[in-house]
Amino acid sequence: MTAEWSILYSDGSANRYRFHAADDDADAATFVYEPVTPERSSTGTYSGGPPRAGRVAGEALATLWRQVRALEEAVHLHVADRGKGTGAFSVTDGDGTRTYIIARGAELAAFDAFVAALA
């Protein structure tokens, strides 16, 4: 990527991931994980764990983009409504901003596992 971009992702439990890269750092991105806390959860008990932040670079950054693009292109996985268990994406890059919601399933579970492993 050579321009500023961002990816906002809310998982099926409403935990949020924010990825961002500025024009002057095209080879890496920052990420922030904002988990649901028991105070904000619908059950009053769910916790998405501790918040965290870091950088994504190299193969991890390439994998992030491969997976995000694959989910965007897999229109058969897109759903109209944000239900529990779905994943909501907002991608902003040189082409503008695109939003889409992915149904619960193996593809979304694979993406969740990938972002959960980022440290």
N, C-alpha and C. Protein backbone atom coordinates (compact mmCIF):
# COMPACT_ATOMS: atom_id res chain seq x y z
N MET A 1 0.85 -1.17 0.00
CA MET A 1 0.00 0.00 0.00
C MET A 1 0.90 1.23 0.00
N THR A 2 0.52 2.23 -0.77
CA THR A 2 1.36 3.41 -0.86
C THR A 2 0.66 4.66 -0.37
N ALA A 3 -0.58 4.59 0.02
CA ALA A 3 -1.29 5.77 0.49
C ALA A 3 -1.89 5.47 1.86
N GLU A 4 -2.37 6.51 2.48
CA GLU A 4 -3.01 6.33 3.77
C GLU A 4 -4.24 5.44 3.62
N TRP A 5 -4.44 4.56 4.59
CA TRP A 5 -5.60 3.66 4.56
C TRP A 5 -5.98 3.28 5.98
N SER A 6 -7.19 2.76 6.13
CA SER A 6 -7.62 2.24 7.43
C SER A 6 -8.61 1.10 7.22
N ILE A 7 -8.62 0.21 8.18
CA ILE A 7 -9.59 -0.88 8.23
C ILE A 7 -10.18 -0.87 9.63
N LEU A 8 -11.49 -0.79 9.72
CA LEU A 8 -12.19 -0.92 10.99
C LEU A 8 -12.95 -2.23 10.93
N TYR A 9 -12.80 -3.04 11.96
CA TYR A 9 -13.46 -4.33 11.99
C TYR A 9 -14.08 -4.54 13.36
N SER A 10 -15.36 -4.88 13.38
CA SER A 10 -16.05 -5.27 14.61
C SER A 10 -16.43 -6.73 14.48
N ASP A 11 -15.96 -7.54 15.43
CA ASP A 11 -16.22 -8.97 15.34
C ASP A 11 -17.63 -9.30 15.81
N GLY A 12 -17.93 -10.57 15.85
CA GLY A 12 -19.27 -11.03 16.18
C GLY A 12 -19.72 -10.74 17.59
N SER A 13 -18.79 -10.34 18.45
CA SER A 13 -19.13 -9.97 19.82
C SER A 13 -19.00 -8.46 20.05
N ALA A 14 -18.78 -7.70 18.98
CA ALA A 14 -18.66 -6.24 18.98
C ALA A 14 -17.31 -5.73 19.50
N ASN A 15 -16.31 -6.62 19.61
CA ASN A 15 -14.95 -6.15 19.87
C ASN A 15 -14.46 -5.45 18.60
N ARG A 16 -13.71 -4.36 18.77
CA ARG A 16 -13.29 -3.58 17.59
C ARG A 16 -11.78 -3.62 17.38
N TYR A 17 -11.42 -3.73 16.12
CA TYR A 17 -10.03 -3.64 15.68
C TYR A 17 -9.93 -2.45 14.74
N ARG A 18 -8.91 -1.61 14.94
CA ARG A 18 -8.65 -0.49 14.04
C ARG A 18 -7.23 -0.64 13.52
N PHE A 19 -7.09 -0.66 12.21
CA PHE A 19 -5.80 -0.72 11.54
C PHE A 19 -5.64 0.57 10.75
N HIS A 20 -4.44 1.15 10.78
CA HIS A 20 -4.22 2.42 10.09
C HIS A 20 -2.77 2.53 9.63
N ALA A 21 -2.60 3.03 8.43
CA ALA A 21 -1.26 3.33 7.92
C ALA A 21 -1.29 4.70 7.28
N ALA A 22 -0.25 5.46 7.55
CA ALA A 22 -0.12 6.80 6.99
C ALA A 22 0.76 6.75 5.74
N ASP A 23 0.67 7.80 4.94
CA ASP A 23 1.45 7.88 3.70
C ASP A 23 2.94 7.67 3.94
N ASP A 24 3.44 8.15 5.08
CA ASP A 24 4.88 8.09 5.31
C ASP A 24 5.36 6.76 5.88
N ASP A 25 4.45 5.79 6.06
CA ASP A 25 4.84 4.48 6.57
C ASP A 25 4.05 3.40 5.85
N ALA A 26 4.34 3.23 4.57
CA ALA A 26 3.57 2.31 3.73
C ALA A 26 3.86 0.84 4.02
N ASP A 27 4.95 0.54 4.73
CA ASP A 27 5.34 -0.84 4.96
C ASP A 27 4.82 -1.42 6.28
N ALA A 28 4.10 -0.61 7.05
CA ALA A 28 3.60 -1.09 8.34
C ALA A 28 2.33 -0.33 8.68
N ALA A 29 1.59 -0.90 9.60
CA ALA A 29 0.36 -0.27 10.07
C ALA A 29 0.29 -0.40 11.59
N THR A 30 -0.42 0.49 12.19
CA THR A 30 -0.70 0.36 13.61
C THR A 30 -2.05 -0.32 13.77
N PHE A 31 -2.23 -1.01 14.88
CA PHE A 31 -3.54 -1.54 15.18
C PHE A 31 -3.87 -1.31 16.64
N VAL A 32 -5.16 -1.17 16.89
CA VAL A 32 -5.68 -1.01 18.24
C VAL A 32 -6.84 -1.97 18.38
N TYR A 33 -6.83 -2.74 19.44
CA TYR A 33 -7.92 -3.66 19.76
C TYR A 33 -8.68 -3.06 20.94
N GLU A 34 -9.98 -2.84 20.74
CA GLU A 34 -10.85 -2.27 21.76
C GLU A 34 -11.90 -3.32 22.12
N PRO A 35 -11.67 -4.07 23.19
CA PRO A 35 -12.60 -5.15 23.54
C PRO A 35 -13.86 -4.65 24.22
N VAL A 36 -14.88 -5.45 24.11
CA VAL A 36 -16.09 -5.21 24.88
C VAL A 36 -15.77 -5.50 26.35
N THR A 37 -16.27 -4.66 27.24
CA THR A 37 -16.10 -4.88 28.67
C THR A 37 -17.42 -5.38 29.24
N PRO A 38 -17.40 -6.00 30.40
CA PRO A 38 -18.66 -6.45 30.99
C PRO A 38 -19.69 -5.33 31.13
N GLU A 39 -19.23 -4.13 31.39
CA GLU A 39 -20.14 -2.98 31.53
C GLU A 39 -20.85 -2.65 30.21
N ARG A 40 -20.21 -2.93 29.11
CA ARG A 40 -20.78 -2.62 27.79
C ARG A 40 -21.42 -3.82 27.11
N SER A 41 -21.28 -5.01 27.70
CA SER A 41 -21.81 -6.20 27.04
C SER A 41 -23.31 -6.34 27.27
N SER A 42 -23.96 -7.02 26.35
CA SER A 42 -25.41 -7.21 26.47
C SER A 42 -25.76 -8.13 27.65
N THR A 43 -24.83 -9.00 28.03
CA THR A 43 -25.09 -9.92 29.15
C THR A 43 -24.65 -9.34 30.49
N GLY A 44 -23.80 -8.33 30.45
CA GLY A 44 -23.26 -7.76 31.67
C GLY A 44 -22.08 -8.55 32.23
N THR A 45 -21.71 -9.63 31.53
CA THR A 45 -20.60 -10.46 32.02
C THR A 45 -19.51 -10.68 30.97
N TYR A 46 -19.84 -10.55 29.68
CA TYR A 46 -18.86 -10.85 28.64
C TYR A 46 -17.71 -9.85 28.67
N SER A 47 -16.51 -10.35 28.47
CA SER A 47 -15.32 -9.52 28.32
C SER A 47 -14.54 -10.01 27.12
N GLY A 48 -14.12 -9.09 26.28
CA GLY A 48 -13.29 -9.42 25.12
C GLY A 48 -11.82 -9.51 25.47
N GLY A 49 -11.49 -9.44 26.75
CA GLY A 49 -10.11 -9.52 27.18
C GLY A 49 -9.48 -8.16 27.30
N PRO A 50 -8.18 -8.12 27.47
CA PRO A 50 -7.51 -6.84 27.64
C PRO A 50 -7.34 -6.10 26.31
N PRO A 51 -7.39 -4.78 26.34
CA PRO A 51 -7.10 -4.02 25.12
C PRO A 51 -5.63 -4.20 24.77
N ARG A 52 -5.31 -3.99 23.51
CA ARG A 52 -3.92 -4.06 23.10
C ARG A 52 -3.73 -3.22 21.84
N ALA A 53 -2.47 -2.94 21.56
CA ALA A 53 -2.12 -2.16 20.38
C ALA A 53 -0.75 -2.62 19.91
N GLY A 54 -0.46 -2.35 18.67
CA GLY A 54 0.84 -2.74 18.13
C GLY A 54 0.99 -2.35 16.68
N ARG A 55 1.93 -3.00 16.04
CA ARG A 55 2.20 -2.75 14.63
C ARG A 55 2.04 -4.04 13.85
N VAL A 56 1.64 -3.90 12.61
CA VAL A 56 1.53 -5.03 11.69
C VAL A 56 2.40 -4.68 10.48
N ALA A 57 3.29 -5.59 10.14
CA ALA A 57 4.21 -5.33 9.03
C ALA A 57 4.53 -6.65 8.33
N GLY A 58 5.22 -6.54 7.22
CA GLY A 58 5.70 -7.71 6.50
C GLY A 58 4.60 -8.66 6.08
N GLU A 59 4.83 -9.95 6.32
CA GLU A 59 3.88 -10.97 5.90
C GLU A 59 2.54 -10.84 6.62
N ALA A 60 2.55 -10.40 7.87
CA ALA A 60 1.28 -10.22 8.60
C ALA A 60 0.43 -9.14 7.95
N LEU A 61 1.06 -8.06 7.49
CA LEU A 61 0.31 -7.00 6.81
C LEU A 61 -0.23 -7.50 5.47
N ALA A 62 0.58 -8.25 4.74
CA ALA A 62 0.12 -8.81 3.46
C ALA A 62 -1.04 -9.78 3.69
N THR A 63 -0.97 -10.58 4.75
CA THR A 63 -2.05 -11.51 5.07
C THR A 63 -3.32 -10.76 5.46
N LEU A 64 -3.18 -9.70 6.23
CA LEU A 64 -4.34 -8.88 6.59
C LEU A 64 -5.07 -8.42 5.34
N TRP A 65 -4.33 -7.84 4.40
CA TRP A 65 -4.96 -7.33 3.19
C TRP A 65 -5.53 -8.45 2.32
N ARG A 66 -4.83 -9.57 2.21
CA ARG A 66 -5.37 -10.70 1.43
C ARG A 66 -6.71 -11.15 2.00
N GLN A 67 -6.79 -11.28 3.31
CA GLN A 67 -8.03 -11.75 3.92
C GLN A 67 -9.14 -10.72 3.81
N VAL A 68 -8.83 -9.46 4.04
CA VAL A 68 -9.85 -8.41 3.93
C VAL A 68 -10.39 -8.34 2.51
N ARG A 69 -9.52 -8.38 1.53
CA ARG A 69 -9.96 -8.33 0.13
C ARG A 69 -10.78 -9.57 -0.24
N ALA A 70 -10.35 -10.73 0.23
CA ALA A 70 -11.09 -11.96 -0.08
C ALA A 70 -12.49 -11.90 0.52
N LEU A 71 -12.63 -11.41 1.74
CA LEU A 71 -13.95 -11.29 2.34
C LEU A 71 -14.81 -10.25 1.61
N GLU A 72 -14.19 -9.17 1.18
CA GLU A 72 -14.94 -8.15 0.43
C GLU A 72 -15.43 -8.70 -0.90
N GLU A 73 -14.62 -9.50 -1.56
CA GLU A 73 -14.99 -10.06 -2.86
C GLU A 73 -15.94 -11.24 -2.76
N ALA A 74 -16.04 -11.85 -1.61
CA ALA A 74 -16.91 -13.02 -1.41
C ALA A 74 -18.34 -12.56 -1.12
N VAL A 75 -18.98 -12.00 -2.13
CA VAL A 75 -20.30 -11.40 -1.92
C VAL A 75 -21.34 -12.41 -1.45
N HIS A 76 -21.12 -13.68 -1.69
CA HIS A 76 -22.05 -14.70 -1.20
C HIS A 76 -22.04 -14.79 0.33
N LEU A 77 -21.00 -14.23 0.97
CA LEU A 77 -20.91 -14.21 2.43
C LEU A 77 -21.48 -12.94 3.03
N HIS A 78 -21.78 -11.95 2.19
CA HIS A 78 -22.28 -10.66 2.69
C HIS A 78 -23.73 -10.79 3.12
N VAL A 79 -24.05 -10.10 4.21
CA VAL A 79 -25.42 -10.05 4.69
C VAL A 79 -25.81 -8.58 4.86
N ALA A 80 -27.12 -8.32 4.84
CA ALA A 80 -27.59 -6.94 4.90
C ALA A 80 -27.63 -6.37 6.31
N ASP A 81 -27.86 -7.23 7.30
CA ASP A 81 -28.04 -6.74 8.66
C ASP A 81 -26.94 -7.21 9.58
N ARG A 82 -26.60 -6.37 10.52
CA ARG A 82 -25.55 -6.66 11.50
C ARG A 82 -26.16 -7.44 12.66
N GLY A 83 -26.16 -8.74 12.56
CA GLY A 83 -26.65 -9.59 13.63
C GLY A 83 -25.51 -10.09 14.49
N LYS A 84 -25.85 -10.63 15.64
CA LYS A 84 -24.85 -11.20 16.53
C LYS A 84 -24.09 -12.31 15.79
N GLY A 85 -22.78 -12.29 15.91
CA GLY A 85 -21.95 -13.28 15.25
C GLY A 85 -21.43 -12.86 13.89
N THR A 86 -21.94 -11.76 13.33
CA THR A 86 -21.46 -11.28 12.04
C THR A 86 -20.25 -10.37 12.25
N GLY A 87 -19.50 -10.15 11.19
CA GLY A 87 -18.35 -9.25 11.23
C GLY A 87 -18.59 -8.05 10.34
N ALA A 88 -18.39 -6.86 10.88
CA ALA A 88 -18.62 -5.62 10.14
C ALA A 88 -17.28 -4.98 9.78
N PHE A 89 -17.13 -4.65 8.50
CA PHE A 89 -15.90 -4.05 7.99
C PHE A 89 -16.17 -2.67 7.40
N SER A 90 -15.23 -1.77 7.60
CA SER A 90 -15.20 -0.49 6.91
C SER A 90 -13.75 -0.30 6.44
N VAL A 91 -13.58 -0.24 5.13
CA VAL A 91 -12.24 -0.15 4.54
C VAL A 91 -12.14 1.17 3.81
N THR A 92 -11.14 1.97 4.18
CA THR A 92 -10.90 3.25 3.52
C THR A 92 -9.51 3.22 2.92
N ASP A 93 -9.45 3.49 1.61
CA ASP A 93 -8.17 3.54 0.92
C ASP A 93 -8.29 4.53 -0.23
N GLY A 94 -7.37 4.48 -1.18
CA GLY A 94 -7.38 5.40 -2.30
C GLY A 94 -8.63 5.31 -3.16
N ASP A 95 -9.38 4.21 -3.04
CA ASP A 95 -10.60 4.03 -3.81
C ASP A 95 -11.84 4.53 -3.07
N GLY A 96 -11.68 5.05 -1.86
CA GLY A 96 -12.82 5.52 -1.08
C GLY A 96 -13.07 4.62 0.11
N THR A 97 -14.30 4.68 0.63
CA THR A 97 -14.69 3.87 1.78
C THR A 97 -15.75 2.87 1.37
N ARG A 98 -15.52 1.62 1.78
CA ARG A 98 -16.47 0.55 1.50
C ARG A 98 -16.81 -0.13 2.81
N THR A 99 -18.08 -0.47 2.98
CA THR A 99 -18.50 -1.19 4.17
C THR A 99 -19.22 -2.46 3.75
N TYR A 100 -19.07 -3.49 4.56
CA TYR A 100 -19.77 -4.74 4.29
C TYR A 100 -19.83 -5.55 5.58
N ILE A 101 -20.79 -6.45 5.63
CA ILE A 101 -21.01 -7.32 6.78
C ILE A 101 -20.88 -8.75 6.30
N ILE A 102 -20.09 -9.53 7.04
CA ILE A 102 -19.85 -10.94 6.69
C ILE A 102 -20.61 -11.84 7.65
N ALA A 103 -21.28 -12.84 7.10
CA ALA A 103 -22.03 -13.80 7.90
C ALA A 103 -21.08 -14.66 8.73
N ARG A 104 -21.60 -15.15 9.83
CA ARG A 104 -20.85 -16.09 10.66
C ARG A 104 -20.54 -17.34 9.83
N GLY A 105 -19.33 -17.85 9.95
CA GLY A 105 -18.94 -19.03 9.21
C GLY A 105 -17.45 -19.24 9.27
N ALA A 106 -16.97 -20.23 8.53
CA ALA A 106 -15.55 -20.60 8.57
C ALA A 106 -14.64 -19.46 8.11
N GLU A 107 -15.06 -18.73 7.09
CA GLU A 107 -14.22 -17.65 6.56
C GLU A 107 -14.03 -16.56 7.59
N LEU A 108 -15.12 -16.18 8.26
CA LEU A 108 -15.03 -15.14 9.29
C LEU A 108 -14.25 -15.66 10.50
N ALA A 109 -14.45 -16.91 10.85
CA ALA A 109 -13.71 -17.50 11.98
C ALA A 109 -12.21 -17.48 11.71
N ALA A 110 -11.80 -17.73 10.46
CA ALA A 110 -10.39 -17.69 10.11
C ALA A 110 -9.83 -16.28 10.28
N PHE A 111 -10.60 -15.27 9.86
CA PHE A 111 -10.16 -13.89 10.03
C PHE A 111 -10.07 -13.54 11.51
N ASP A 112 -11.07 -13.94 12.28
CA ASP A 112 -11.04 -13.68 13.73
C ASP A 112 -9.80 -14.29 14.38
N ALA A 113 -9.46 -15.51 13.99
CA ALA A 113 -8.28 -16.16 14.56
C ALA A 113 -7.01 -15.39 14.19
N PHE A 114 -6.94 -14.90 12.97
CA PHE A 114 -5.78 -14.14 12.53
C PHE A 114 -5.61 -12.86 13.36
N VAL A 115 -6.68 -12.04 13.47
CA VAL A 115 -6.54 -10.77 14.20
C VAL A 115 -6.36 -11.01 15.70
N ALA A 116 -6.95 -12.08 16.23
CA ALA A 116 -6.79 -12.37 17.66
C ALA A 116 -5.35 -12.71 18.01
N ALA A 117 -4.61 -13.23 17.03
CA ALA A 117 -3.21 -13.62 17.27
C ALA A 117 -2.24 -12.44 17.18
N LEU A 118 -2.70 -11.28 16.72
CA LEU A 118 -1.81 -10.13 16.63
C LEU A 118 -1.45 -9.64 18.02
N ALA A 119 -0.19 -9.35 18.21
CA ALA A 119 0.25 -8.88 19.53
C ALA A 119 0.90 -7.52 19.43
